[in-house]
Amino acid sequence: MALGAFLGGTSHGFALQLGDTGQAIVWRATMAAIGVMSFLFLATAAFAVLRDLWRHAILALAVLELVVYWGWVFLVDDDFLWAIYDYVPAMLVTAVLMGVLWWKGSVPSGSGPAPWLLAGILISLVGAIIQAKGFSLHRNFNHNDLYHVVQMGALLLLYRGGRQLRDAD
């Protein structure tokens, strides 16, 4: 996610310096990184919460999601909205699995990875809404800028929770 945000910010912030070809390359790398992020969210949640058949089913869906997403953004349309369409379901499934982890009592209330990850996912979804709706605070601080600032906060929470995850086995 951090790589996608960094590349996306670079693509927007340095578009003139990159030129058309450079900007297109950085943008495609942005979109590719976001697809990998969605895959890794699903895979990580599957390993942390599930076992056996359910784990393999989520992993297979994650691979399918990545292949379809990459095919779409590289061959059809690389608009950022497709990245949101890709990572929102991945984050929602991850949120459900983290909710299961928390509910199962694997960790005491308020500690462990689940609360941190759920908060990070919630803040990231707020960023996605800001981006999709085009909400801007100022003409020199548009929805792209605000999205990246919100994502920084989400990343801190996701990192904190992710460091605490352990394999369900």
N, C-alpha and C. Protein backbone atom coordinates (compact mmCIF):
# COMPACT_ATOMS: atom_id res chain seq x y z
N MET A 1 0.83 -1.19 0.00
CA MET A 1 0.00 0.00 0.00
C MET A 1 0.87 1.24 0.00
N ALA A 2 1.93 1.20 0.80
CA ALA A 2 2.82 2.35 0.85
C ALA A 2 3.47 2.60 -0.51
N LEU A 3 3.87 1.52 -1.18
CA LEU A 3 4.47 1.68 -2.50
C LEU A 3 3.47 2.27 -3.48
N GLY A 4 2.23 1.78 -3.45
CA GLY A 4 1.19 2.32 -4.33
C GLY A 4 0.93 3.79 -4.05
N ALA A 5 0.87 4.16 -2.77
CA ALA A 5 0.65 5.57 -2.42
C ALA A 5 1.83 6.44 -2.85
N PHE A 6 3.05 5.93 -2.63
CA PHE A 6 4.24 6.68 -3.03
C PHE A 6 4.28 6.88 -4.55
N LEU A 7 4.05 5.80 -5.28
CA LEU A 7 4.06 5.90 -6.75
C LEU A 7 2.93 6.79 -7.26
N GLY A 8 1.75 6.65 -6.66
CA GLY A 8 0.62 7.49 -7.08
C GLY A 8 0.90 8.96 -6.82
N GLY A 9 1.46 9.25 -5.65
CA GLY A 9 1.83 10.63 -5.34
C GLY A 9 2.90 11.15 -6.29
N THR A 10 3.85 10.29 -6.64
CA THR A 10 4.89 10.67 -7.59
C THR A 10 4.29 10.93 -8.96
N SER A 11 3.37 10.08 -9.37
CA SER A 11 2.71 10.23 -10.67
C SER A 11 1.97 11.56 -10.76
N HIS A 12 1.26 11.92 -9.69
CA HIS A 12 0.51 13.18 -9.68
C HIS A 12 1.42 14.38 -9.48
N GLY A 13 2.33 14.26 -8.53
CA GLY A 13 3.14 15.41 -8.14
C GLY A 13 4.25 15.77 -9.12
N PHE A 14 4.71 14.79 -9.89
CA PHE A 14 5.83 15.03 -10.79
C PHE A 14 5.47 14.72 -12.25
N ALA A 15 4.20 14.82 -12.58
CA ALA A 15 3.74 14.49 -13.93
C ALA A 15 4.48 15.30 -14.99
N LEU A 16 4.68 16.58 -14.76
CA LEU A 16 5.36 17.43 -15.75
C LEU A 16 6.82 17.01 -15.92
N GLN A 17 7.48 16.69 -14.82
CA GLN A 17 8.88 16.30 -14.88
C GLN A 17 9.06 14.91 -15.51
N LEU A 18 8.08 14.04 -15.29
CA LEU A 18 8.17 12.67 -15.81
C LEU A 18 7.91 12.60 -17.31
N GLY A 19 7.12 13.54 -17.82
CA GLY A 19 6.72 13.48 -19.22
C GLY A 19 5.62 12.43 -19.40
N ASP A 20 5.05 12.38 -20.57
CA ASP A 20 3.93 11.47 -20.82
C ASP A 20 4.31 10.01 -20.62
N THR A 21 5.44 9.60 -21.20
CA THR A 21 5.85 8.20 -21.10
C THR A 21 6.21 7.84 -19.66
N GLY A 22 7.01 8.66 -19.01
CA GLY A 22 7.40 8.40 -17.63
C GLY A 22 6.20 8.38 -16.70
N GLN A 23 5.30 9.32 -16.89
CA GLN A 23 4.10 9.37 -16.05
C GLN A 23 3.25 8.12 -16.26
N ALA A 24 3.12 7.67 -17.49
CA ALA A 24 2.34 6.46 -17.79
C ALA A 24 2.96 5.23 -17.13
N ILE A 25 4.28 5.14 -17.16
CA ILE A 25 4.98 4.01 -16.53
C ILE A 25 4.77 4.02 -15.02
N VAL A 26 4.97 5.19 -14.41
CA VAL A 26 4.80 5.29 -12.96
C VAL A 26 3.34 5.01 -12.57
N TRP A 27 2.39 5.47 -13.38
CA TRP A 27 0.98 5.23 -13.08
C TRP A 27 0.65 3.74 -13.16
N ARG A 28 1.16 3.06 -14.18
CA ARG A 28 0.91 1.62 -14.30
C ARG A 28 1.55 0.87 -13.13
N ALA A 29 2.73 1.30 -12.70
CA ALA A 29 3.37 0.69 -11.54
C ALA A 29 2.52 0.93 -10.28
N THR A 30 1.92 2.11 -10.19
CA THR A 30 1.01 2.42 -9.09
C THR A 30 -0.14 1.43 -9.07
N MET A 31 -0.76 1.26 -10.21
CA MET A 31 -1.92 0.36 -10.30
C MET A 31 -1.52 -1.09 -10.03
N ALA A 32 -0.35 -1.49 -10.50
CA ALA A 32 0.13 -2.86 -10.23
C ALA A 32 0.35 -3.07 -8.74
N ALA A 33 0.97 -2.09 -8.08
CA ALA A 33 1.24 -2.19 -6.64
C ALA A 33 -0.05 -2.29 -5.85
N ILE A 34 -1.07 -1.57 -6.26
CA ILE A 34 -2.35 -1.63 -5.55
C ILE A 34 -2.97 -3.01 -5.69
N GLY A 35 -2.84 -3.62 -6.86
CA GLY A 35 -3.33 -4.98 -7.05
C GLY A 35 -2.62 -5.98 -6.16
N VAL A 36 -1.31 -5.82 -6.04
CA VAL A 36 -0.53 -6.69 -5.15
C VAL A 36 -0.97 -6.48 -3.70
N MET A 37 -1.22 -5.23 -3.34
CA MET A 37 -1.68 -4.93 -1.98
C MET A 37 -2.99 -5.66 -1.68
N SER A 38 -3.93 -5.63 -2.59
CA SER A 38 -5.21 -6.33 -2.37
C SER A 38 -4.98 -7.82 -2.19
N PHE A 39 -4.13 -8.39 -3.06
CA PHE A 39 -3.80 -9.80 -2.94
C PHE A 39 -3.19 -10.11 -1.57
N LEU A 40 -2.22 -9.29 -1.16
CA LEU A 40 -1.54 -9.54 0.11
C LEU A 40 -2.46 -9.35 1.32
N PHE A 41 -3.39 -8.41 1.24
CA PHE A 41 -4.36 -8.26 2.31
C PHE A 41 -5.14 -9.55 2.49
N LEU A 42 -5.66 -10.08 1.40
CA LEU A 42 -6.45 -11.31 1.47
C LEU A 42 -5.61 -12.49 1.93
N ALA A 43 -4.41 -12.62 1.38
CA ALA A 43 -3.55 -13.75 1.74
C ALA A 43 -3.15 -13.68 3.22
N THR A 44 -2.79 -12.50 3.68
CA THR A 44 -2.39 -12.34 5.08
C THR A 44 -3.54 -12.67 6.03
N ALA A 45 -4.72 -12.16 5.72
CA ALA A 45 -5.89 -12.45 6.56
C ALA A 45 -6.20 -13.94 6.55
N ALA A 46 -6.10 -14.57 5.38
CA ALA A 46 -6.37 -16.01 5.29
C ALA A 46 -5.39 -16.80 6.16
N PHE A 47 -4.11 -16.45 6.12
CA PHE A 47 -3.13 -17.16 6.92
C PHE A 47 -3.29 -16.88 8.41
N ALA A 48 -3.75 -15.69 8.77
CA ALA A 48 -3.89 -15.34 10.18
C ALA A 48 -5.14 -15.94 10.83
N VAL A 49 -6.17 -16.21 10.03
CA VAL A 49 -7.45 -16.59 10.62
C VAL A 49 -7.91 -17.98 10.22
N LEU A 50 -7.62 -18.38 9.00
CA LEU A 50 -8.21 -19.61 8.45
C LEU A 50 -7.20 -20.75 8.38
N ARG A 51 -7.76 -21.94 8.18
CA ARG A 51 -6.93 -23.13 7.99
C ARG A 51 -7.50 -23.94 6.84
N ASP A 52 -6.67 -24.80 6.31
CA ASP A 52 -7.04 -25.83 5.34
C ASP A 52 -7.87 -25.31 4.17
N LEU A 53 -9.05 -25.87 3.96
CA LEU A 53 -9.86 -25.57 2.77
C LEU A 53 -10.24 -24.10 2.67
N TRP A 54 -10.65 -23.50 3.77
CA TRP A 54 -11.05 -22.09 3.73
C TRP A 54 -9.87 -21.19 3.37
N ARG A 55 -8.71 -21.50 3.93
CA ARG A 55 -7.51 -20.74 3.62
C ARG A 55 -7.21 -20.85 2.12
N HIS A 56 -7.24 -22.06 1.60
CA HIS A 56 -6.93 -22.27 0.18
C HIS A 56 -7.96 -21.59 -0.72
N ALA A 57 -9.22 -21.59 -0.30
CA ALA A 57 -10.27 -20.95 -1.09
C ALA A 57 -10.04 -19.43 -1.17
N ILE A 58 -9.72 -18.81 -0.06
CA ILE A 58 -9.45 -17.36 -0.06
C ILE A 58 -8.20 -17.06 -0.88
N LEU A 59 -7.17 -17.88 -0.75
CA LEU A 59 -5.96 -17.68 -1.54
C LEU A 59 -6.24 -17.80 -3.03
N ALA A 60 -7.04 -18.78 -3.43
CA ALA A 60 -7.40 -18.93 -4.84
C ALA A 60 -8.18 -17.72 -5.33
N LEU A 61 -9.12 -17.23 -4.53
CA LEU A 61 -9.87 -16.02 -4.90
C LEU A 61 -8.94 -14.80 -5.00
N ALA A 62 -7.97 -14.73 -4.11
CA ALA A 62 -7.02 -13.60 -4.14
C ALA A 62 -6.20 -13.63 -5.42
N VAL A 63 -5.74 -14.82 -5.83
CA VAL A 63 -4.99 -14.93 -7.08
C VAL A 63 -5.87 -14.55 -8.26
N LEU A 64 -7.10 -15.05 -8.28
CA LEU A 64 -8.04 -14.73 -9.36
C LEU A 64 -8.30 -13.22 -9.41
N GLU A 65 -8.50 -12.62 -8.25
CA GLU A 65 -8.73 -11.18 -8.19
C GLU A 65 -7.55 -10.41 -8.79
N LEU A 66 -6.34 -10.81 -8.44
CA LEU A 66 -5.15 -10.13 -8.94
C LEU A 66 -5.03 -10.27 -10.46
N VAL A 67 -5.24 -11.46 -10.97
CA VAL A 67 -5.13 -11.69 -12.41
C VAL A 67 -6.18 -10.88 -13.18
N VAL A 68 -7.42 -10.90 -12.71
CA VAL A 68 -8.49 -10.15 -13.38
C VAL A 68 -8.21 -8.65 -13.30
N TYR A 69 -7.84 -8.18 -12.13
CA TYR A 69 -7.55 -6.75 -11.95
C TYR A 69 -6.42 -6.30 -12.87
N TRP A 70 -5.29 -7.02 -12.84
CA TRP A 70 -4.17 -6.64 -13.71
C TRP A 70 -4.58 -6.67 -15.18
N GLY A 71 -5.31 -7.69 -15.57
CA GLY A 71 -5.78 -7.75 -16.96
C GLY A 71 -6.60 -6.53 -17.33
N TRP A 72 -7.49 -6.15 -16.43
CA TRP A 72 -8.36 -5.01 -16.69
C TRP A 72 -7.58 -3.70 -16.78
N VAL A 73 -6.74 -3.42 -15.77
CA VAL A 73 -6.06 -2.12 -15.74
C VAL A 73 -4.93 -2.02 -16.76
N PHE A 74 -4.37 -3.13 -17.18
CA PHE A 74 -3.30 -3.06 -18.18
C PHE A 74 -3.82 -3.14 -19.61
N LEU A 75 -5.00 -3.75 -19.79
CA LEU A 75 -5.50 -3.95 -21.15
C LEU A 75 -6.73 -3.11 -21.50
N VAL A 76 -7.48 -2.67 -20.48
CA VAL A 76 -8.75 -1.99 -20.75
C VAL A 76 -8.76 -0.55 -20.26
N ASP A 77 -8.62 -0.35 -18.94
CA ASP A 77 -8.80 0.98 -18.37
C ASP A 77 -7.99 1.09 -17.08
N ASP A 78 -7.10 2.08 -17.00
CA ASP A 78 -6.26 2.22 -15.81
C ASP A 78 -6.71 3.38 -14.91
N ASP A 79 -7.98 3.73 -14.97
CA ASP A 79 -8.52 4.76 -14.09
C ASP A 79 -8.42 4.28 -12.63
N PHE A 80 -8.09 5.19 -11.72
CA PHE A 80 -7.90 4.83 -10.31
C PHE A 80 -9.16 4.24 -9.69
N LEU A 81 -10.31 4.57 -10.21
CA LEU A 81 -11.55 4.02 -9.67
C LEU A 81 -11.51 2.49 -9.67
N TRP A 82 -10.85 1.89 -10.65
CA TRP A 82 -10.74 0.43 -10.71
C TRP A 82 -9.89 -0.10 -9.57
N ALA A 83 -8.91 0.68 -9.14
CA ALA A 83 -8.11 0.27 -7.98
C ALA A 83 -8.98 0.24 -6.73
N ILE A 84 -9.84 1.25 -6.60
CA ILE A 84 -10.75 1.27 -5.46
C ILE A 84 -11.70 0.08 -5.53
N TYR A 85 -12.24 -0.19 -6.72
CA TYR A 85 -13.13 -1.35 -6.90
C TYR A 85 -12.42 -2.65 -6.56
N ASP A 86 -11.10 -2.68 -6.74
CA ASP A 86 -10.33 -3.88 -6.44
C ASP A 86 -10.03 -4.00 -4.95
N TYR A 87 -9.57 -2.91 -4.34
CA TYR A 87 -9.11 -3.07 -2.96
C TYR A 87 -10.21 -2.94 -1.92
N VAL A 88 -11.32 -2.32 -2.23
CA VAL A 88 -12.39 -2.23 -1.23
C VAL A 88 -12.92 -3.62 -0.87
N PRO A 89 -13.26 -4.48 -1.84
CA PRO A 89 -13.70 -5.83 -1.44
C PRO A 89 -12.62 -6.60 -0.67
N ALA A 90 -11.36 -6.45 -1.07
CA ALA A 90 -10.28 -7.14 -0.36
C ALA A 90 -10.20 -6.66 1.08
N MET A 91 -10.34 -5.36 1.27
CA MET A 91 -10.30 -4.83 2.63
C MET A 91 -11.52 -5.25 3.44
N LEU A 92 -12.67 -5.31 2.79
CA LEU A 92 -13.88 -5.73 3.50
C LEU A 92 -13.78 -7.19 3.95
N VAL A 93 -13.29 -8.06 3.07
CA VAL A 93 -13.09 -9.46 3.46
C VAL A 93 -12.06 -9.54 4.59
N THR A 94 -10.99 -8.77 4.49
CA THR A 94 -9.98 -8.74 5.54
C THR A 94 -10.60 -8.24 6.84
N ALA A 95 -11.44 -7.22 6.76
CA ALA A 95 -12.10 -6.70 7.97
C ALA A 95 -12.99 -7.76 8.61
N VAL A 96 -13.72 -8.49 7.79
CA VAL A 96 -14.56 -9.57 8.33
C VAL A 96 -13.69 -10.61 9.03
N LEU A 97 -12.60 -11.00 8.38
CA LEU A 97 -11.71 -12.00 8.99
C LEU A 97 -11.07 -11.48 10.27
N MET A 98 -10.72 -10.20 10.30
CA MET A 98 -10.16 -9.63 11.54
C MET A 98 -11.24 -9.56 12.62
N GLY A 99 -12.47 -9.27 12.21
CA GLY A 99 -13.58 -9.30 13.16
C GLY A 99 -13.76 -10.69 13.75
N VAL A 100 -13.63 -11.72 12.91
CA VAL A 100 -13.70 -13.10 13.39
C VAL A 100 -12.57 -13.38 14.37
N LEU A 101 -11.37 -12.94 14.04
CA LEU A 101 -10.23 -13.13 14.92
C LEU A 101 -10.48 -12.49 16.28
N TRP A 102 -10.99 -11.28 16.26
CA TRP A 102 -11.28 -10.55 17.50
C TRP A 102 -12.41 -11.24 18.28
N TRP A 103 -13.46 -11.62 17.57
CA TRP A 103 -14.64 -12.22 18.19
C TRP A 103 -14.33 -13.58 18.79
N LYS A 104 -13.47 -14.34 18.12
CA LYS A 104 -13.11 -15.67 18.62
C LYS A 104 -12.39 -15.61 19.95
N GLY A 105 -12.00 -14.43 20.36
CA GLY A 105 -11.32 -14.30 21.63
C GLY A 105 -9.86 -14.69 21.56
N SER A 106 -9.32 -14.71 20.34
CA SER A 106 -7.91 -15.04 20.19
C SER A 106 -7.03 -14.01 20.88
N VAL A 107 -7.56 -12.82 21.05
CA VAL A 107 -6.81 -11.76 21.72
C VAL A 107 -7.75 -11.06 22.69
N PRO A 108 -7.24 -10.52 23.77
CA PRO A 108 -8.11 -9.77 24.68
C PRO A 108 -8.69 -8.54 23.99
N SER A 109 -9.82 -8.13 24.44
CA SER A 109 -10.48 -6.95 23.86
C SER A 109 -9.56 -5.74 23.90
N GLY A 110 -9.42 -5.09 22.74
CA GLY A 110 -8.63 -3.87 22.68
C GLY A 110 -7.14 -4.08 22.46
N SER A 111 -6.71 -5.34 22.38
CA SER A 111 -5.29 -5.58 22.12
C SER A 111 -5.14 -6.55 20.96
N GLY A 112 -3.93 -6.77 20.56
CA GLY A 112 -3.70 -7.67 19.44
C GLY A 112 -3.87 -6.96 18.11
N PRO A 113 -3.78 -7.70 17.02
CA PRO A 113 -3.77 -7.09 15.69
C PRO A 113 -5.12 -6.59 15.21
N ALA A 114 -6.18 -7.26 15.58
CA ALA A 114 -7.49 -6.98 14.98
C ALA A 114 -7.95 -5.52 15.13
N PRO A 115 -7.92 -4.94 16.33
CA PRO A 115 -8.39 -3.54 16.43
C PRO A 115 -7.58 -2.57 15.58
N TRP A 116 -6.26 -2.77 15.55
CA TRP A 116 -5.41 -1.89 14.75
C TRP A 116 -5.72 -2.03 13.27
N LEU A 117 -5.83 -3.27 12.82
CA LEU A 117 -6.11 -3.51 11.40
C LEU A 117 -7.49 -3.01 11.01
N LEU A 118 -8.47 -3.22 11.86
CA LEU A 118 -9.82 -2.74 11.56
C LEU A 118 -9.85 -1.21 11.48
N ALA A 119 -9.14 -0.55 12.39
CA ALA A 119 -9.08 0.92 12.35
C ALA A 119 -8.37 1.39 11.08
N GLY A 120 -7.27 0.73 10.72
CA GLY A 120 -6.55 1.09 9.50
C GLY A 120 -7.40 0.89 8.26
N ILE A 121 -8.15 -0.19 8.21
CA ILE A 121 -9.03 -0.45 7.07
C ILE A 121 -10.12 0.61 7.00
N LEU A 122 -10.71 0.95 8.13
CA LEU A 122 -11.76 1.98 8.16
C LEU A 122 -11.23 3.31 7.65
N ILE A 123 -10.07 3.72 8.11
CA ILE A 123 -9.50 5.00 7.67
C ILE A 123 -9.13 4.94 6.19
N SER A 124 -8.64 3.81 5.73
CA SER A 124 -8.32 3.66 4.32
C SER A 124 -9.58 3.75 3.46
N LEU A 125 -10.67 3.18 3.94
CA LEU A 125 -11.94 3.29 3.20
C LEU A 125 -12.44 4.73 3.17
N VAL A 126 -12.21 5.48 4.23
CA VAL A 126 -12.53 6.91 4.22
C VAL A 126 -11.73 7.60 3.12
N GLY A 127 -10.45 7.26 3.02
CA GLY A 127 -9.61 7.81 1.95
C GLY A 127 -10.15 7.46 0.57
N ALA A 128 -10.62 6.23 0.40
CA ALA A 128 -11.18 5.81 -0.89
C ALA A 128 -12.43 6.62 -1.23
N ILE A 129 -13.25 6.89 -0.24
CA ILE A 129 -14.46 7.71 -0.46
C ILE A 129 -14.07 9.12 -0.86
N ILE A 130 -13.09 9.68 -0.17
CA ILE A 130 -12.59 11.02 -0.51
C ILE A 130 -12.12 11.05 -1.96
N GLN A 131 -11.36 10.05 -2.34
CA GLN A 131 -10.83 9.97 -3.71
C GLN A 131 -11.95 9.82 -4.73
N ALA A 132 -12.88 8.90 -4.47
CA ALA A 132 -13.96 8.62 -5.42
C ALA A 132 -14.92 9.80 -5.57
N LYS A 133 -15.16 10.51 -4.48
CA LYS A 133 -16.10 11.64 -4.51
C LYS A 133 -15.45 12.94 -4.95
N GLY A 134 -14.11 12.96 -5.02
CA GLY A 134 -13.42 14.17 -5.47
C GLY A 134 -13.45 15.29 -4.44
N PHE A 135 -13.52 14.94 -3.16
CA PHE A 135 -13.57 15.93 -2.09
C PHE A 135 -12.24 16.65 -1.96
N SER A 136 -12.26 17.97 -2.02
CA SER A 136 -11.05 18.78 -1.89
C SER A 136 -11.20 19.80 -0.77
N LEU A 137 -10.11 20.09 -0.10
CA LEU A 137 -10.12 21.11 0.94
C LEU A 137 -9.80 22.49 0.38
N HIS A 138 -9.06 22.51 -0.72
CA HIS A 138 -8.59 23.77 -1.30
C HIS A 138 -8.19 23.49 -2.74
N ARG A 139 -8.20 24.50 -3.59
CA ARG A 139 -7.83 24.27 -4.99
C ARG A 139 -6.39 23.78 -5.13
N ASN A 140 -5.53 24.08 -4.14
CA ASN A 140 -4.15 23.60 -4.15
C ASN A 140 -3.94 22.37 -3.26
N PHE A 141 -5.04 21.81 -2.77
CA PHE A 141 -4.99 20.59 -1.95
C PHE A 141 -6.21 19.77 -2.32
N ASN A 142 -6.10 19.08 -3.46
CA ASN A 142 -7.26 18.41 -4.02
C ASN A 142 -7.49 17.02 -3.42
N HIS A 143 -8.45 16.30 -4.01
CA HIS A 143 -8.82 14.99 -3.50
C HIS A 143 -7.66 13.99 -3.55
N ASN A 144 -6.78 14.10 -4.53
CA ASN A 144 -5.62 13.21 -4.58
C ASN A 144 -4.68 13.48 -3.41
N ASP A 145 -4.43 14.75 -3.14
CA ASP A 145 -3.56 15.12 -2.03
C ASP A 145 -4.13 14.64 -0.70
N LEU A 146 -5.41 14.92 -0.50
CA LEU A 146 -6.07 14.53 0.75
C LEU A 146 -6.09 13.01 0.91
N TYR A 147 -6.34 12.30 -0.18
CA TYR A 147 -6.34 10.83 -0.16
C TYR A 147 -4.99 10.31 0.36
N HIS A 148 -3.90 10.84 -0.16
CA HIS A 148 -2.59 10.36 0.26
C HIS A 148 -2.29 10.68 1.72
N VAL A 149 -2.73 11.81 2.20
CA VAL A 149 -2.53 12.16 3.62
C VAL A 149 -3.34 11.20 4.51
N VAL A 150 -4.58 10.94 4.14
CA VAL A 150 -5.41 10.00 4.90
C VAL A 150 -4.78 8.61 4.90
N GLN A 151 -4.25 8.18 3.74
CA GLN A 151 -3.63 6.87 3.64
C GLN A 151 -2.40 6.74 4.55
N MET A 152 -1.69 7.85 4.78
CA MET A 152 -0.54 7.78 5.70
C MET A 152 -0.99 7.36 7.10
N GLY A 153 -2.10 7.94 7.56
CA GLY A 153 -2.63 7.54 8.87
C GLY A 153 -3.06 6.09 8.88
N ALA A 154 -3.72 5.66 7.81
CA ALA A 154 -4.15 4.27 7.72
C ALA A 154 -2.96 3.32 7.73
N LEU A 155 -1.90 3.70 7.04
CA LEU A 155 -0.71 2.85 6.98
C LEU A 155 -0.08 2.64 8.35
N LEU A 156 -0.06 3.67 9.17
CA LEU A 156 0.50 3.52 10.52
C LEU A 156 -0.28 2.49 11.32
N LEU A 157 -1.60 2.55 11.24
CA LEU A 157 -2.44 1.59 11.96
C LEU A 157 -2.29 0.18 11.40
N LEU A 158 -2.27 0.07 10.07
CA LEU A 158 -2.13 -1.24 9.44
C LEU A 158 -0.78 -1.87 9.78
N TYR A 159 0.25 -1.06 9.79
CA TYR A 159 1.58 -1.55 10.15
C TYR A 159 1.59 -2.07 11.59
N ARG A 160 1.00 -1.29 12.47
CA ARG A 160 0.97 -1.69 13.89
C ARG A 160 0.25 -3.03 14.07
N GLY A 161 -0.90 -3.17 13.40
CA GLY A 161 -1.63 -4.43 13.50
C GLY A 161 -0.94 -5.57 12.78
N GLY A 162 -0.40 -5.29 11.61
CA GLY A 162 0.25 -6.33 10.82
C GLY A 162 1.45 -6.94 11.51
N ARG A 163 2.17 -6.14 12.26
CA ARG A 163 3.34 -6.66 13.00
C ARG A 163 2.96 -7.68 14.03
N GLN A 164 1.70 -7.65 14.48
CA GLN A 164 1.26 -8.57 15.53
C GLN A 164 0.61 -9.84 15.00
N LEU A 165 0.35 -9.90 13.69
CA LEU A 165 -0.32 -11.08 13.13
C LEU A 165 0.56 -12.32 13.21
N ARG A 166 -0.07 -13.43 13.43
CA ARG A 166 0.61 -14.73 13.45
C ARG A 166 -0.20 -15.71 12.62
N ASP A 167 0.47 -16.72 12.10
CA ASP A 167 -0.19 -17.76 11.31
C ASP A 167 -1.17 -18.53 12.20
N ALA A 168 -2.35 -18.81 11.68
CA ALA A 168 -3.37 -19.53 12.44
C ALA A 168 -2.92 -20.95 12.80
N ASP A 169 -2.02 -21.50 12.03
CA ASP A 169 -1.50 -22.85 12.34
C ASP A 169 -0.49 -22.79 13.45
